[in-house]
Amino acid sequence: MKRILFLGLLSLFFQWECLANVLTFGSYNVENLFDAKHDKENGLDKEDWSFLPREASGKKEACQKLKSRHHRRECLATDWSDSVVELKIGQIKEILSKGRVLPDFLGLQEIENPQVLARLAEKLGYTELEITKSLDARGIDVALLYNNKNKNKKVIKK
């Protein structure tokens, strides 16, 4: 009887230990989280013109070159600014944290660059970030946010 009780308590201990180490994962498409600055990579312009202020240098000319009339009009009409970026980041935080705890690891799609990712990470409370370098002409990438529980530091600005 003592053995059964001991084994039962031991199994409960291991179950609790396992439950304490559960990791959660999430994924979210942020749908074009761009900053309000024009990016160049390897001397080439990224096609991020739609996500710039209306009066940004070179925007009007770049938008006029778009083949699709719809995209051309959208590009010319969009007045993307730092305040719009902050609003979008705030909305993403509201959606992701509404009534739930954020996951340990959060995969994100359609992130423009490490700088805007770092702003989102800070707003969400994540301390670590990783981002890919895709070949997409607009410069959008996928990213991962997580917290390193063994470190006590601020978000790394990559």
Protein backbone atom coordinates (compact mmCIF):
# COMPACT_ATOMS: atom_id res chain seq x y z
CA MET A 1 0.00 0.00 0.00
CA LYS A 2 2.84 2.38 0.87
CA ARG A 3 4.45 1.65 -2.49
CA ILE A 4 1.26 2.44 -4.36
CA LEU A 5 0.79 5.66 -2.42
CA PHE A 6 4.45 6.59 -2.98
CA LEU A 7 4.24 5.83 -6.72
CA GLY A 8 0.98 7.79 -6.97
CA LEU A 9 2.49 10.83 -5.27
CA LEU A 10 5.62 10.50 -7.36
CA SER A 11 3.60 10.41 -10.58
CA LEU A 12 1.64 13.50 -9.48
CA PHE A 13 4.91 15.29 -8.81
CA PHE A 14 6.21 14.48 -12.30
CA GLN A 15 2.90 15.51 -13.88
CA TRP A 16 3.03 18.88 -12.14
CA GLU A 17 6.68 19.24 -13.13
CA CYS A 18 5.80 18.55 -16.77
CA LEU A 19 2.85 20.95 -16.70
CA ALA A 20 5.09 23.69 -15.34
CA ASN A 21 7.30 23.41 -18.45
CA VAL A 22 4.60 23.70 -21.11
CA LEU A 23 5.43 26.19 -23.85
CA THR A 24 2.81 28.01 -25.86
CA PHE A 25 3.08 29.00 -29.50
CA GLY A 26 1.09 31.46 -31.56
CA SER A 27 1.08 32.91 -35.04
CA TYR A 28 -0.37 36.12 -36.42
CA ASN A 29 -0.34 37.90 -39.77
CA VAL A 30 0.16 41.59 -38.96
CA GLU A 31 -0.85 42.50 -42.53
CA ASN A 32 1.87 44.87 -43.70
CA LEU A 33 3.52 46.21 -40.57
CA PHE A 34 5.79 48.79 -42.18
CA ASP A 35 7.59 51.71 -40.62
CA ALA A 36 7.20 55.13 -42.28
CA LYS A 37 10.70 55.22 -43.83
CA HIS A 38 11.83 54.15 -47.27
CA ASP A 39 14.11 51.12 -47.14
CA LYS A 40 17.01 50.36 -49.42
CA GLU A 41 18.91 47.09 -49.34
CA ASN A 42 22.14 46.49 -51.21
CA GLY A 43 21.61 49.82 -52.98
CA LEU A 44 18.18 48.80 -54.30
CA ASP A 45 14.93 50.54 -53.43
CA LYS A 46 12.37 48.37 -51.66
CA GLU A 47 8.85 48.66 -53.05
CA ASP A 48 7.48 50.12 -49.82
CA TRP A 49 6.15 53.32 -51.37
CA SER A 50 2.55 52.72 -50.27
CA PHE A 51 3.74 52.77 -46.67
CA LEU A 52 5.36 56.20 -46.71
CA PRO A 53 4.03 59.67 -45.96
CA ARG A 54 2.13 61.15 -48.93
CA GLU A 55 4.81 63.79 -49.50
CA ALA A 56 7.83 61.46 -49.20
CA SER A 57 10.56 62.12 -51.73
CA GLY A 58 10.16 59.85 -54.76
CA LYS A 59 6.78 58.42 -53.69
CA LYS A 60 4.65 60.06 -56.35
CA GLU A 61 6.96 58.96 -59.17
CA ALA A 62 7.22 55.40 -57.83
CA CYS A 63 3.44 55.10 -57.37
CA GLN A 64 2.84 56.36 -60.94
CA LYS A 65 4.93 53.43 -62.24
CA LEU A 66 2.60 50.82 -60.74
CA LYS A 67 0.76 48.88 -63.46
CA SER A 68 -2.45 48.23 -61.53
CA ARG A 69 -4.71 51.29 -61.46
CA HIS A 70 -6.07 50.17 -58.08
CA HIS A 71 -2.59 49.83 -56.53
CA ARG A 72 -1.48 53.11 -58.11
CA ARG A 73 -4.42 55.01 -56.58
CA GLU A 74 -3.96 53.30 -53.23
CA CYS A 75 -0.25 54.11 -53.19
CA LEU A 76 -0.84 57.79 -54.02
CA ALA A 77 -3.68 58.17 -51.50
CA THR A 78 -1.99 56.46 -48.53
CA ASP A 79 -0.43 58.83 -46.03
CA TRP A 80 1.53 56.40 -43.85
CA SER A 81 3.19 58.09 -40.89
CA ASP A 82 4.84 57.26 -37.58
CA SER A 83 1.54 57.92 -35.79
CA VAL A 84 -0.21 55.44 -38.11
CA VAL A 85 2.50 52.87 -37.29
CA GLU A 86 1.95 53.43 -33.56
CA LEU A 87 -1.82 53.09 -34.03
CA LYS A 88 -1.35 49.82 -35.94
CA ILE A 89 1.03 48.44 -33.28
CA GLY A 90 -1.50 49.36 -30.58
CA GLN A 91 -4.27 47.59 -32.50
CA ILE A 92 -2.11 44.47 -32.91
CA LYS A 93 -1.43 44.46 -29.17
CA GLU A 94 -5.15 44.83 -28.42
CA ILE A 95 -6.07 41.93 -30.71
CA LEU A 96 -3.32 39.60 -29.47
CA SER A 97 -3.81 40.23 -25.76
CA LYS A 98 -7.60 40.46 -25.68
CA GLY A 99 -8.70 38.12 -22.90
CA ARG A 100 -5.64 35.90 -23.02
CA VAL A 101 -1.99 35.62 -22.11
CA LEU A 102 0.45 36.09 -24.96
CA PRO A 103 2.19 32.89 -26.11
CA ASP A 104 5.79 32.11 -25.18
CA PHE A 105 6.71 32.13 -28.87
CA LEU A 106 4.87 34.36 -31.35
CA GLY A 107 5.44 33.91 -35.08
CA LEU A 108 4.55 36.92 -37.21
CA GLN A 109 4.06 37.38 -40.94
CA GLU A 110 4.39 40.54 -43.07
CA ILE A 111 6.93 42.48 -41.00
CA GLU A 112 9.02 45.02 -42.92
CA ASN A 113 12.22 45.19 -40.88
CA PRO A 114 13.89 44.63 -37.50
CA GLN A 115 13.23 48.22 -36.39
CA VAL A 116 9.43 48.02 -36.64
CA LEU A 117 9.57 44.49 -35.18
CA ALA A 118 11.49 45.81 -32.15
CA ARG A 119 8.79 48.46 -31.60
CA LEU A 120 6.10 45.78 -31.64
CA ALA A 121 8.13 43.47 -29.38
CA GLU A 122 8.57 46.23 -26.82
CA LYS A 123 4.84 47.06 -26.88
CA LEU A 124 3.93 43.38 -26.40
CA GLY A 125 6.55 42.78 -23.70
CA TYR A 126 8.81 40.39 -25.61
CA THR A 127 12.55 40.69 -25.04
CA GLU A 128 13.93 38.68 -27.94
CA LEU A 129 13.32 38.82 -31.68
CA GLU A 130 14.40 37.07 -34.84
CA ILE A 131 13.55 38.11 -38.40
CA THR A 132 14.24 36.61 -41.83
CA LYS A 133 15.63 38.40 -44.87
CA SER A 134 13.29 37.42 -47.68
CA LEU A 135 13.67 38.19 -51.36
CA ASP A 136 10.25 39.88 -51.43
CA ALA A 137 10.43 43.10 -53.47
CA ARG A 138 8.49 45.01 -50.80
CA GLY A 139 10.83 43.76 -48.12
CA ILE A 140 8.33 41.91 -45.95
CA ASP A 141 9.58 39.09 -43.78
CA VAL A 142 8.50 36.62 -41.13
CA ALA A 143 9.61 36.99 -37.53
CA LEU A 144 9.62 35.33 -34.13
CA LEU A 145 9.15 37.02 -30.76
CA TYR A 146 9.92 35.33 -27.44
CA ASN A 147 11.20 35.97 -23.94
CA ASN A 148 14.45 34.56 -22.67
CA LYS A 149 13.65 33.85 -19.05
CA ASN A 150 17.36 33.48 -18.25
CA LYS A 151 18.17 37.04 -19.26
CA ASN A 152 17.00 40.36 -17.90
CA LYS A 153 17.52 42.80 -20.75
CA LYS A 154 15.71 45.15 -23.08
CA VAL A 155 14.72 44.38 -26.67
CA ILE A 156 17.70 44.03 -28.97
CA LYS A 157 17.52 46.58 -31.80
CA LYS A 158 18.89 44.62 -34.76
